[in-house]
C-alpha atoms as a PDB file:
ATOM      1  CA  MET A   1     134.903  83.609  -0.200  1.00  0.00           C
ATOM      2  CA  TRP A   2     137.633  80.942  -0.075  1.00  0.00           C
ATOM      3  CA  GLU A   3     138.620  82.177   3.414  1.00  0.00           C
ATOM      4  CA  TYR A   4     135.193  81.275   4.797  1.00  0.00           C
ATOM      5  CA  ILE A   5     135.238  77.821   3.240  1.00  0.00           C
ATOM      6  CA  LEU A   6     138.772  77.069   4.422  1.00  0.00           C
ATOM      7  CA  CYS A   7     137.957  78.348   7.900  1.00  0.00           C
ATOM      8  CA  ALA A   8     134.754  76.280   8.093  1.00  0.00           C
ATOM      9  CA  VAL A   9     136.541  73.107   6.964  1.00  0.00           C
ATOM     10  CA  ILE A  10     139.419  73.510   9.436  1.00  0.00           C
ATOM     11  CA  CYS A  11     137.042  74.351  12.316  1.00  0.00           C
ATOM     12  CA  ALA A  12     134.893  71.331  11.432  1.00  0.00           C
ATOM     13  CA  VAL A  13     137.954  69.063  11.561  1.00  0.00           C
ATOM     14  CA  ILE A  14     138.999  70.591  14.906  1.00  0.00           C
ATOM     15  CA  TRP A  15     135.579  69.941  16.421  1.00  0.00           C
ATOM     16  CA  ILE A  16     135.211  66.466  14.902  1.00  0.00           C
ATOM     17  CA  ILE A  17     138.516  65.419  16.483  1.00  0.00           C
ATOM     18  CA  ASN A  18     137.845  67.125  19.824  1.00  0.00           C
ATOM     19  CA  GLY A  19     134.183  66.099  19.730  1.00  0.00           C
ATOM     20  CA  ARG A  20     135.153  62.445  19.484  1.00  0.00           C
ATOM     21  CA  CYS A  21     137.456  62.875  22.487  1.00  0.00           C
ATOM     22  CA  ILE A  22     134.746  64.732  24.420  1.00  0.00           C
ATOM     23  CA  ILE A  23     132.183  61.985  23.675  1.00  0.00           C
ATOM     24  CA  ARG A  24     134.648  59.243  24.690  1.00  0.00           C
ATOM     25  CA  SER A  25     135.488  61.137  27.892  1.00  0.00           C
ATOM     26  CA  ALA A  26     131.802  61.626  28.664  1.00  0.00           C
ATOM     27  CA  ARG A  27     131.179  57.887  28.259  1.00  0.00           C
ATOM     28  CA  GLU A  28     134.115  57.098  30.546  1.00  0.00           C
ATOM     29  CA  ARG A  29     133.074  59.921  32.928  1.00  0.00           C
ATOM     30  CA  ILE A  30     136.457  61.659  32.763  1.00  0.00           C
ATOM     31  CA  THR A  31     135.278  65.220  33.389  1.00  0.00           C
ATOM     32  CA  GLY A  32     138.766  66.716  33.276  1.00  0.00           C
ATOM     33  CA  GLU A  33     139.248  65.572  29.699  1.00  0.00           C
ATOM     34  CA  ILE A  34     135.871  67.008  28.686  1.00  0.00           C
ATOM     35  CA  TYR A  35     137.000  70.431  29.911  1.00  0.00           C
ATOM     36  CA  SER A  36     140.464  70.006  28.430  1.00  0.00           C
ATOM     37  CA  HIS A  37     139.251  69.009  24.960  1.00  0.00           C
ATOM     38  CA  THR A  38     136.647  71.772  24.984  1.00  0.00           C
ATOM     39  CA  GLY A  39     139.432  74.232  25.812  1.00  0.00           C
ATOM     40  CA  LEU A  40     141.617  72.783  23.059  1.00  0.00           C
ATOM     41  CA  GLY A  41     138.757  73.031  20.560  1.00  0.00           C
ATOM     42  CA  ILE A  42     138.182  76.675  21.462  1.00  0.00           C
ATOM     43  CA  PHE A  43     141.919  77.402  21.372  1.00  0.00           C
ATOM     44  CA  PHE A  44     142.423  75.907  17.894  1.00  0.00           C
ATOM     45  CA  THR A  45     139.203  77.482  16.623  1.00  0.00           C
ATOM     46  CA  LEU A  46     140.515  80.873  17.769  1.00  0.00           C
ATOM     47  CA  LEU A  47     143.837  80.229  16.074  1.00  0.00           C
ATOM     48  CA  THR A  48     142.080  79.248  12.835  1.00  0.00           C
ATOM     49  CA  LEU A  49     139.686  82.214  12.871  1.00  0.00           C
ATOM     50  CA  GLU A  50     142.460  84.693  13.586  1.00  0.00           C
ATOM     51  CA  LEU A  51     144.934  83.283  11.069  1.00  0.00           C
ATOM     52  CA  ILE A  52     142.429  83.007   8.233  1.00  0.00           C
ATOM     53  CA  LEU A  53     139.651  85.541   8.758  1.00  0.00           C
ATOM     54  CA  GLY A  54     141.497  87.951  11.046  1.00  0.00           C
ATOM     55  CA  GLU A  55     144.385  88.227   8.601  1.00  0.00           C
ATOM     56  CA  ALA A  56     141.831  88.917   5.860  1.00  0.00           C
ATOM     57  CA  GLY A  57     140.680  91.963   7.863  1.00  0.00           C
ATOM     58  CA  MET A  58     137.293  90.623   8.931  1.00  0.00           C
ATOM     59  CA  TRP A  59     137.442  92.440  12.301  1.00  0.00           C
ATOM     60  CA  THR A  60     139.392  95.154  14.039  1.00  0.00           C
ATOM     61  CA  ARG A  61     142.737  94.451  15.626  1.00  0.00           C
ATOM     62  CA  THR A  62     145.119  96.736  17.388  1.00  0.00           C
ATOM     63  CA  ASN A  63     148.695  96.241  16.306  1.00  0.00           C
ATOM     64  CA  ILE A  64     150.883  97.227  19.230  1.00  0.00           C
ATOM     65  CA  LEU A  65     154.244  95.834  18.180  1.00  0.00           C
ATOM     66  CA  TRP A  66     155.806  95.376  21.627  1.00  0.00           C
ATOM     67  CA  LEU A  67     152.768  93.349  22.779  1.00  0.00           C
ATOM     68  CA  GLN A  68     153.033  91.147  19.702  1.00  0.00           C
ATOM     69  CA  ILE A  69     156.728  90.558  20.395  1.00  0.00           C
ATOM     70  CA  ILE A  70     155.958  89.535  23.987  1.00  0.00           C
ATOM     71  CA  GLY A  71     153.258  87.200  22.661  1.00  0.00           C
ATOM     72  CA  TYR A  72     155.670  85.555  20.233  1.00  0.00           C
ATOM     73  CA  ILE A  73     158.280  85.184  22.993  1.00  0.00           C
ATOM     74  CA  LEU A  74     155.658  83.473  25.203  1.00  0.00           C
ATOM     75  CA  TYR A  75     155.279  80.763  22.547  1.00  0.00           C
ATOM     76  CA  ILE A  76     158.682  79.388  23.617  1.00  0.00           C
ATOM     77  CA  PRO A  77     157.918  78.499  27.271  1.00  0.00           C
ATOM     78  CA  SER A  78     154.402  77.378  26.365  1.00  0.00           C
ATOM     79  CA  ALA A  79     155.685  74.977  23.704  1.00  0.00           C
ATOM     80  CA  PHE A  80     158.351  73.721  26.118  1.00  0.00           C
ATOM     81  CA  LEU A  81     155.729  73.069  28.809  1.00  0.00           C
ATOM     82  CA  VAL A  82     153.231  71.366  26.487  1.00  0.00           C
ATOM     83  CA  PHE A  83     155.586  69.174  24.475  1.00  0.00           C
ATOM     84  CA  GLY A  84     158.079  68.594  27.291  1.00  0.00           C
ATOM     85  CA  SER A  85     155.343  67.338  29.597  1.00  0.00           C
ATOM     86  CA  MET A  86     153.939  65.055  26.897  1.00  0.00           C
ATOM     87  CA  ILE A  87     157.347  63.505  26.296  1.00  0.00           C
ATOM     88  CA  GLN A  88     158.019  63.128  30.014  1.00  0.00           C
ATOM     89  CA  LEU A  89     154.633  61.477  30.620  1.00  0.00           C
ATOM     90  CA  LYS A  90     155.332  59.035  27.817  1.00  0.00           C
ATOM     91  CA  HIS A  91     158.742  58.020  29.201  1.00  0.00           C
ATOM     92  CA  THR A  92     158.646  58.542  32.965  1.00  0.00           C
ATOM     93  CA  GLY A  93     154.939  57.844  33.452  1.00  0.00           C
ATOM     94  CA  LYS A  94     155.162  54.653  31.400  1.00  0.00           C
ATOM     95  CA  ALA A  95     152.116  55.767  29.403  1.00  0.00           C
ATOM     96  CA  LYS A  96     151.040  53.802  26.368  1.00  0.00           C
ATOM     97  CA  THR A  97     149.648  57.013  24.858  1.00  0.00           C
ATOM     98  CA  LEU A  98     150.377  60.723  25.264  1.00  0.00           C
ATOM     99  CA  ALA A  99     147.108  61.184  27.197  1.00  0.00           C
ATOM    100  CA  PRO A 100     147.584  62.107  30.884  1.00  0.00           C
ATOM    101  CA  HIS A 101     145.175  59.380  32.032  1.00  0.00           C
ATOM    102  CA  GLY A 102     147.442  56.765  30.481  1.00  0.00           C
ATOM    103  CA  THR A 103     150.211  57.039  33.083  1.00  0.00           C
ATOM    104  CA  THR A 104     150.796  54.212  35.512  1.00  0.00           C
ATOM    105  CA  THR A 105     152.750  56.153  38.130  1.00  0.00           C
ATOM    106  CA  VAL A 106     152.812  59.631  39.685  1.00  0.00           C
ATOM    107  CA  VAL A 107     155.463  61.584  37.773  1.00  0.00           C
ATOM    108  CA  GLN A 108     157.233  63.927  40.207  1.00  0.00           C
ATOM    109  CA  THR A 109     160.489  64.769  38.449  1.00  0.00           C
ATOM    110  CA  GLY A 110     161.520  67.215  35.745  1.00  0.00           C
ATOM    111  CA  ILE A 111     158.765  69.621  34.741  1.00  0.00           C
ATOM    112  CA  TYR A 112     156.352  67.734  37.000  1.00  0.00           C
ATOM    113  CA  GLY A 113     158.579  68.541  39.981  1.00  0.00           C
ATOM    114  CA  ILE A 114     157.905  72.251  39.396  1.00  0.00           C
ATOM    115  CA  VAL A 115     154.185  72.305  38.489  1.00  0.00           C
ATOM    116  CA  ARG A 116     151.541  69.566  38.589  1.00  0.00           C
ATOM    117  CA  HIS A 117     149.915  70.426  35.274  1.00  0.00           C
ATOM    118  CA  PRO A 118     152.600  71.777  32.934  1.00  0.00           C
ATOM    119  CA  MET A 119     150.637  70.810  29.820  1.00  0.00           C
ATOM    120  CA  TRP A 120     147.646  72.921  30.819  1.00  0.00           C
ATOM    121  CA  LEU A 121     149.854  75.743  32.119  1.00  0.00           C
ATOM    122  CA  GLY A 122     151.532  75.758  28.701  1.00  0.00           C
ATOM    123  CA  MET A 123     148.152  76.037  26.995  1.00  0.00           C
ATOM    124  CA  VAL A 124     147.172  78.908  29.312  1.00  0.00           C
ATOM    125  CA  ILE A 125     150.399  80.763  28.489  1.00  0.00           C
ATOM    126  CA  TRP A 126     149.812  80.060  24.806  1.00  0.00           C
ATOM    127  CA  SER A 127     146.278  81.455  25.093  1.00  0.00           C
ATOM    128  CA  ALA A 128     147.641  84.619  26.724  1.00  0.00           C
ATOM    129  CA  ALA A 129     150.214  84.839  23.942  1.00  0.00           C
ATOM    130  CA  LEU A 130     147.462  84.655  21.298  1.00  0.00           C
ATOM    131  CA  ILE A 131     145.702  87.608  22.922  1.00  0.00           C
ATOM    132  CA  GLN A 132     148.895  89.626  22.682  1.00  0.00           C
ATOM    133  CA  VAL A 133     149.729  88.553  19.138  1.00  0.00           C
ATOM    134  CA  PHE A 134     146.267  89.047  17.618  1.00  0.00           C
ATOM    135  CA  GLN A 135     144.976  91.873  19.847  1.00  0.00           C
ATOM    136  CA  SER A 136     141.291  91.479  19.011  1.00  0.00           C
ATOM    137  CA  VAL A 137     138.102  91.202  21.032  1.00  0.00           C
ATOM    138  CA  LEU A 138     137.606  87.692  19.627  1.00  0.00           C
ATOM    139  CA  SER A 139     141.026  86.577  20.894  1.00  0.00           C
ATOM    140  CA  ILE A 140     140.312  88.003  24.354  1.00  0.00           C
ATOM    141  CA  VAL A 141     136.915  86.302  24.643  1.00  0.00           C
ATOM    142  CA  LEU A 142     137.848  82.887  23.228  1.00  0.00           C
ATOM    143  CA  SER A 143     141.202  82.726  25.025  1.00  0.00           C
ATOM    144  CA  THR A 144     139.510  83.553  28.318  1.00  0.00           C
ATOM    145  CA  VAL A 145     136.958  80.770  27.814  1.00  0.00           C
ATOM    146  CA  ALA A 146     139.754  78.356  26.861  1.00  0.00           C
ATOM    147  CA  VAL A 147     141.731  79.296  29.995  1.00  0.00           C
ATOM    148  CA  VAL A 148     138.681  78.645  32.179  1.00  0.00           C
ATOM    149  CA  CYS A 149     138.304  75.224  30.519  1.00  0.00           C
ATOM    150  CA  PHE A 150     142.002  74.415  31.065  1.00  0.00           C
ATOM    151  CA  ARG A 151     141.738  75.453  34.736  1.00  0.00           C
ATOM    152  CA  MET A 152     138.654  73.282  35.252  1.00  0.00           C
ATOM    153  CA  GLY A 153     140.361  70.421  33.427  1.00  0.00           C
ATOM    154  CA  ALA A 154     143.419  70.659  35.696  1.00  0.00           C
ATOM    155  CA  THR A 155     141.223  70.730  38.803  1.00  0.00           C
ATOM    156  CA  LYS A 156     139.240  67.699  37.644  1.00  0.00           C
ATOM    157  CA  GLU A 157     142.475  65.939  36.694  1.00  0.00           C
ATOM    158  CA  ASP A 158     143.643  66.367  40.308  1.00  0.00           C
ATOM    159  CA  GLU A 159     140.431  64.705  41.500  1.00  0.00           C
ATOM    160  CA  PHE A 160     140.911  61.873  39.001  1.00  0.00           C
ATOM    161  CA  ASN A 161     144.550  61.375  40.047  1.00  0.00           C
ATOM    162  CA  ILE A 162     143.614  61.246  43.735  1.00  0.00           C
ATOM    163  CA  LYS A 163     141.221  58.384  42.929  1.00  0.00           C
ATOM    164  CA  GLU A 164     143.825  56.733  40.696  1.00  0.00           C
ATOM    165  CA  PHE A 165     146.960  57.096  42.874  1.00  0.00           C
ATOM    166  CA  GLY A 166     145.574  57.871  46.365  1.00  0.00           C
ATOM    167  CA  VAL A 167     147.962  59.025  49.089  1.00  0.00           C
ATOM    168  CA  ASP A 168     150.943  59.276  46.704  1.00  0.00           C
ATOM    169  CA  TYR A 169     149.153  61.913  44.654  1.00  0.00           C
ATOM    170  CA  LYS A 170     147.923  63.810  47.733  1.00  0.00           C
ATOM    171  CA  GLU A 171     151.523  64.041  48.975  1.00  0.00           C
ATOM    172  CA  TYR A 172     152.603  65.216  45.532  1.00  0.00           C
ATOM    173  CA  MET A 173     149.847  67.863  45.573  1.00  0.00           C
ATOM    174  CA  SER A 174     151.063  69.147  48.949  1.00  0.00           C
ATOM    175  CA  LYS A 175     154.598  69.613  47.585  1.00  0.00           C
ATOM    176  CA  VAL A 176     154.035  70.804  44.015  1.00  0.00           C
ATOM    177  CA  PRO A 177     151.714  73.710  43.060  1.00  0.00           C
ATOM    178  CA  MET A 178     149.195  73.409  40.245  1.00  0.00           C
ATOM    179  CA  TRP A 179     150.605  76.215  38.091  1.00  0.00           C
ATOM    180  CA  ASN A 180     152.727  78.568  40.216  1.00  0.00           C
ATOM    181  CA  VAL A 181     156.173  78.025  38.700  1.00  0.00           C
ATOM    182  CA  PHE A 182     157.789  80.666  40.910  1.00  0.00           C
ATOM    183  CA  LYS A 183     156.635  79.070  44.188  1.00  0.00           C
ATOM    184  CA  ARG A 184     158.479  75.840  43.466  1.00  0.00           C
ATOM    185  CA  LEU A 185     161.606  77.488  42.013  1.00  0.00           C
ATOM    186  CA  LYS A 186     162.325  79.450  45.223  1.00  0.00           C
END
């Protein structure tokens, strides 16, 4: 019984926090952030459900060890992409906050010289890692929905940045792919 209560409380907190961001973004008409925060809400809800209820045996999981190991290994590049991009935006983009819309310049160096949306690519890799670690139908469904939200958020963020930075961002888009790390590393 305590698992359900704990899970409900954590999920409520997740959606209160993300809901506030979604409402603020809707008021400011920042569509990319609506998608992004919806994806984040789904991602953290999945993590909560799997860690609390999934571990309690509430649904069936397959436990293929080598897939779980790959999933855990994928946490490393995803964390690097998410947190590295946040730190770089804060310093190089002269942002007052860690939010992508807070930057005052197009950041084209470091991680942002390889992919345009490293934060969202990191979340996509993390979502794929959760599928491999938890190996449940729930993780497949919710991670897929989260990935779609992250993709839409990145696309809308491109549109926002074109309006914000104009030609500079269009040139950046022509040089740096959205998520294809291998294309830029060649």
